[in-house]
């Protein structure tokens, strides 16, 4: 028989960490907690992606040329 340990986390159902009422809290395993909070995690991720892309466009031109430049510089045939 195989035994596993499950770690429970307290999830805020309304995604407001200051609302600690009993009806707003639920015990979830880590996987279920991440699934529950996924929309809140994706919003900052998208903003970070767009900001990095904008900085790349601003300083290095279009993003497609950056990947080619990096690939060219990191290939083993090109010594720095």
N, C-alpha and C. Protein backbone atom coordinates (compact mmCIF):
# COMPACT_ATOMS: atom_id res chain seq x y z
N UNK A 1 0.85 -1.18 0.00
CA UNK A 1 0.00 0.00 0.00
C UNK A 1 0.90 1.24 0.00
N UNK A 2 0.60 2.16 -0.86
CA UNK A 2 1.39 3.38 -0.99
C UNK A 2 0.73 4.51 -0.22
N UNK A 3 1.53 5.24 0.53
CA UNK A 3 1.02 6.37 1.30
C UNK A 3 1.59 7.67 0.75
N UNK A 4 0.77 8.66 0.66
CA UNK A 4 1.23 9.99 0.24
C UNK A 4 0.75 11.02 1.24
N UNK A 5 1.50 12.08 1.32
CA UNK A 5 1.15 13.16 2.23
C UNK A 5 0.57 14.31 1.40
N UNK A 6 -0.59 14.78 1.78
CA UNK A 6 -1.24 15.89 1.09
C UNK A 6 -1.18 17.11 2.00
N UNK A 7 -0.66 18.20 1.47
CA UNK A 7 -0.58 19.44 2.23
C UNK A 7 -1.78 20.30 1.86
N UNK A 8 -2.53 20.70 2.85
CA UNK A 8 -3.70 21.54 2.60
C UNK A 8 -3.34 23.00 2.75
N UNK A 9 -4.01 23.83 1.97
CA UNK A 9 -3.82 25.28 2.04
C UNK A 9 -5.19 25.92 2.19
N UNK A 10 -5.22 27.05 2.87
CA UNK A 10 -6.48 27.78 3.04
C UNK A 10 -6.65 28.71 1.85
N UNK A 11 -7.73 28.51 1.10
CA UNK A 11 -8.01 29.34 -0.07
C UNK A 11 -9.11 30.33 0.27
N UNK A 12 -8.94 31.57 -0.17
CA UNK A 12 -9.97 32.59 -0.03
C UNK A 12 -10.87 32.50 -1.26
N UNK A 13 -12.13 32.17 -1.04
CA UNK A 13 -13.04 31.93 -2.16
C UNK A 13 -13.27 33.18 -2.98
N UNK A 14 -13.24 34.37 -2.35
CA UNK A 14 -13.44 35.62 -3.10
C UNK A 14 -12.11 36.27 -3.50
N UNK A 15 -11.00 35.59 -3.28
CA UNK A 15 -9.65 36.05 -3.64
C UNK A 15 -9.24 37.32 -2.91
N UNK A 16 -9.86 37.60 -1.77
CA UNK A 16 -9.51 38.77 -0.96
C UNK A 16 -8.85 38.27 0.32
N UNK A 17 -7.51 38.42 0.44
CA UNK A 17 -6.81 37.89 1.62
C UNK A 17 -7.19 38.57 2.93
N UNK A 18 -7.82 39.73 2.88
CA UNK A 18 -8.22 40.38 4.12
C UNK A 18 -9.56 39.86 4.63
N UNK A 19 -10.30 39.13 3.82
CA UNK A 19 -11.59 38.57 4.21
C UNK A 19 -11.38 37.16 4.75
N UNK A 20 -11.25 37.05 6.06
CA UNK A 20 -10.98 35.77 6.70
C UNK A 20 -12.20 35.17 7.39
N UNK A 21 -13.38 35.50 6.91
CA UNK A 21 -14.58 34.90 7.48
C UNK A 21 -14.61 33.41 7.15
N UNK A 22 -15.18 32.64 8.05
CA UNK A 22 -15.21 31.19 7.90
C UNK A 22 -15.88 30.76 6.59
N UNK A 23 -16.90 31.47 6.17
CA UNK A 23 -17.60 31.12 4.94
C UNK A 23 -16.79 31.43 3.68
N UNK A 24 -15.73 32.22 3.83
CA UNK A 24 -14.90 32.60 2.69
C UNK A 24 -13.66 31.72 2.55
N UNK A 25 -13.39 30.87 3.52
CA UNK A 25 -12.19 30.04 3.51
C UNK A 25 -12.56 28.59 3.18
N UNK A 26 -11.67 27.94 2.45
CA UNK A 26 -11.87 26.55 2.11
C UNK A 26 -10.52 25.85 2.09
N UNK A 27 -10.44 24.64 2.62
CA UNK A 27 -9.21 23.87 2.60
C UNK A 27 -9.10 23.16 1.26
N UNK A 28 -8.00 23.44 0.56
CA UNK A 28 -7.76 22.82 -0.74
C UNK A 28 -6.35 22.26 -0.76
N UNK A 29 -6.14 21.19 -1.53
CA UNK A 29 -4.78 20.72 -1.73
C UNK A 29 -4.05 21.76 -2.58
N UNK A 30 -2.73 21.66 -2.66
CA UNK A 30 -1.96 22.68 -3.36
C UNK A 30 -2.34 22.77 -4.83
N UNK A 31 -2.58 21.64 -5.47
CA UNK A 31 -2.96 21.65 -6.88
C UNK A 31 -4.30 22.36 -7.09
N UNK A 32 -5.28 22.01 -6.28
CA UNK A 32 -6.60 22.63 -6.41
C UNK A 32 -6.54 24.12 -6.08
N UNK A 33 -5.70 24.50 -5.12
CA UNK A 33 -5.55 25.91 -4.76
C UNK A 33 -4.96 26.70 -5.94
N UNK A 34 -3.96 26.13 -6.61
CA UNK A 34 -3.38 26.79 -7.78
C UNK A 34 -4.41 26.92 -8.90
N UNK A 35 -5.21 25.90 -9.10
CA UNK A 35 -6.25 25.96 -10.13
C UNK A 35 -7.26 27.04 -9.77
N UNK A 36 -7.63 27.12 -8.50
CA UNK A 36 -8.59 28.13 -8.04
C UNK A 36 -8.05 29.55 -8.25
N UNK A 37 -6.76 29.76 -8.01
CA UNK A 37 -6.16 31.09 -8.13
C UNK A 37 -5.59 31.38 -9.51
N UNK A 38 -5.75 30.48 -10.46
CA UNK A 38 -5.14 30.64 -11.79
C UNK A 38 -5.47 31.96 -12.47
N UNK A 39 -6.71 32.42 -12.51
CA UNK A 39 -6.98 33.71 -13.18
C UNK A 39 -6.21 34.88 -12.55
N UNK A 40 -6.05 34.85 -11.22
CA UNK A 40 -5.31 35.92 -10.54
C UNK A 40 -3.82 35.83 -10.83
N UNK A 41 -3.30 34.65 -11.09
CA UNK A 41 -1.88 34.49 -11.40
C UNK A 41 -1.58 34.85 -12.86
N UNK A 42 -2.54 34.65 -13.75
CA UNK A 42 -2.32 34.92 -15.16
C UNK A 42 -2.29 36.41 -15.48
N UNK A 43 -3.04 37.23 -14.74
CA UNK A 43 -3.09 38.67 -15.04
C UNK A 43 -1.72 39.32 -14.89
N UNK A 44 -1.00 39.18 -13.76
CA UNK A 44 0.33 39.79 -13.66
C UNK A 44 1.33 39.17 -14.63
N UNK A 45 1.15 37.88 -14.93
CA UNK A 45 2.05 37.23 -15.88
C UNK A 45 1.93 37.87 -17.26
N UNK A 46 0.70 38.14 -17.68
CA UNK A 46 0.48 38.77 -18.98
C UNK A 46 1.07 40.17 -19.01
N UNK A 47 0.89 40.93 -17.94
CA UNK A 47 1.45 42.29 -17.87
C UNK A 47 2.97 42.24 -17.96
N UNK A 48 3.60 41.31 -17.23
CA UNK A 48 5.06 41.18 -17.28
C UNK A 48 5.51 40.82 -18.69
N UNK A 49 4.81 39.90 -19.34
CA UNK A 49 5.15 39.51 -20.70
C UNK A 49 5.08 40.71 -21.65
N UNK A 50 3.99 41.49 -21.55
CA UNK A 50 3.82 42.63 -22.44
C UNK A 50 4.87 43.71 -22.17
N UNK A 51 5.22 43.93 -20.91
CA UNK A 51 6.25 44.92 -20.59
C UNK A 51 7.61 44.51 -21.14
N UNK A 52 7.96 43.24 -20.99
CA UNK A 52 9.24 42.76 -21.52
C UNK A 52 9.27 42.86 -23.04
N UNK A 53 8.15 42.54 -23.66
CA UNK A 53 8.08 42.64 -25.12
C UNK A 53 8.22 44.10 -25.57
N UNK A 54 7.58 45.01 -24.84
CA UNK A 54 7.68 46.43 -25.19
C UNK A 54 9.11 46.93 -25.03
N UNK A 55 9.81 46.51 -23.98
CA UNK A 55 11.20 46.92 -23.80
C UNK A 55 12.08 46.36 -24.90
N UNK A 56 11.82 45.11 -25.28
CA UNK A 56 12.59 44.53 -26.37
C UNK A 56 12.38 45.27 -27.67
N UNK A 57 11.12 45.64 -27.96
CA UNK A 57 10.82 46.39 -29.17
C UNK A 57 11.46 47.77 -29.13
N UNK A 58 11.48 48.38 -27.96
CA UNK A 58 12.01 49.72 -27.82
C UNK A 58 13.51 49.77 -28.06
N UNK A 59 14.25 48.82 -27.48
CA UNK A 59 15.71 48.88 -27.53
C UNK A 59 16.34 48.02 -28.62
N UNK A 60 15.68 46.94 -29.02
CA UNK A 60 16.32 46.03 -29.95
C UNK A 60 15.52 45.80 -31.22
N UNK A 61 14.46 46.52 -31.44
CA UNK A 61 13.66 46.34 -32.64
C UNK A 61 12.62 45.26 -32.44
N UNK A 62 12.16 44.70 -33.53
CA UNK A 62 11.11 43.69 -33.45
C UNK A 62 11.58 42.44 -32.72
N UNK A 63 10.68 41.78 -32.04
CA UNK A 63 11.02 40.61 -31.23
C UNK A 63 11.55 39.45 -32.05
N UNK A 64 11.07 39.27 -33.26
CA UNK A 64 11.53 38.13 -34.06
C UNK A 64 13.02 38.24 -34.36
N UNK A 65 13.53 39.47 -34.53
CA UNK A 65 14.95 39.63 -34.81
C UNK A 65 15.79 39.37 -33.56
N UNK A 66 15.23 39.57 -32.39
CA UNK A 66 15.96 39.32 -31.14
C UNK A 66 16.23 37.83 -30.98
N UNK A 67 15.22 37.01 -31.25
CA UNK A 67 15.42 35.57 -31.08
C UNK A 67 16.49 35.07 -32.05
N UNK A 68 16.51 35.59 -33.27
CA UNK A 68 17.54 35.21 -34.22
C UNK A 68 18.91 35.66 -33.77
N UNK A 69 18.99 36.86 -33.21
CA UNK A 69 20.26 37.39 -32.71
C UNK A 69 20.78 36.53 -31.56
N UNK A 70 19.91 36.17 -30.64
CA UNK A 70 20.32 35.38 -29.48
C UNK A 70 20.73 33.98 -29.95
N UNK A 71 19.96 33.38 -30.86
CA UNK A 71 20.30 32.06 -31.37
C UNK A 71 21.66 32.09 -32.06
N UNK A 72 21.94 33.16 -32.83
CA UNK A 72 23.20 33.30 -33.53
C UNK A 72 24.36 33.41 -32.55
N UNK A 73 24.17 34.21 -31.49
CA UNK A 73 25.23 34.45 -30.52
C UNK A 73 25.50 33.24 -29.63
N UNK A 74 24.49 32.41 -29.40
CA UNK A 74 24.65 31.28 -28.48
C UNK A 74 25.03 29.99 -29.19
N UNK A 75 25.13 30.00 -30.50
CA UNK A 75 25.49 28.77 -31.19
C UNK A 75 26.95 28.43 -30.90
N UNK A 76 27.31 27.14 -30.81
CA UNK A 76 28.66 26.74 -30.44
C UNK A 76 29.72 27.19 -31.45
N UNK A 77 29.34 27.41 -32.70
CA UNK A 77 30.32 27.81 -33.72
C UNK A 77 30.80 29.24 -33.52
N UNK A 78 30.01 30.06 -32.85
CA UNK A 78 30.37 31.47 -32.64
C UNK A 78 30.97 31.65 -31.26
N UNK A 79 32.25 31.78 -31.21
CA UNK A 79 32.91 32.03 -29.94
C UNK A 79 32.84 33.53 -29.63
N UNK A 80 32.65 33.88 -28.39
CA UNK A 80 32.57 35.29 -28.01
C UNK A 80 33.93 35.83 -28.03
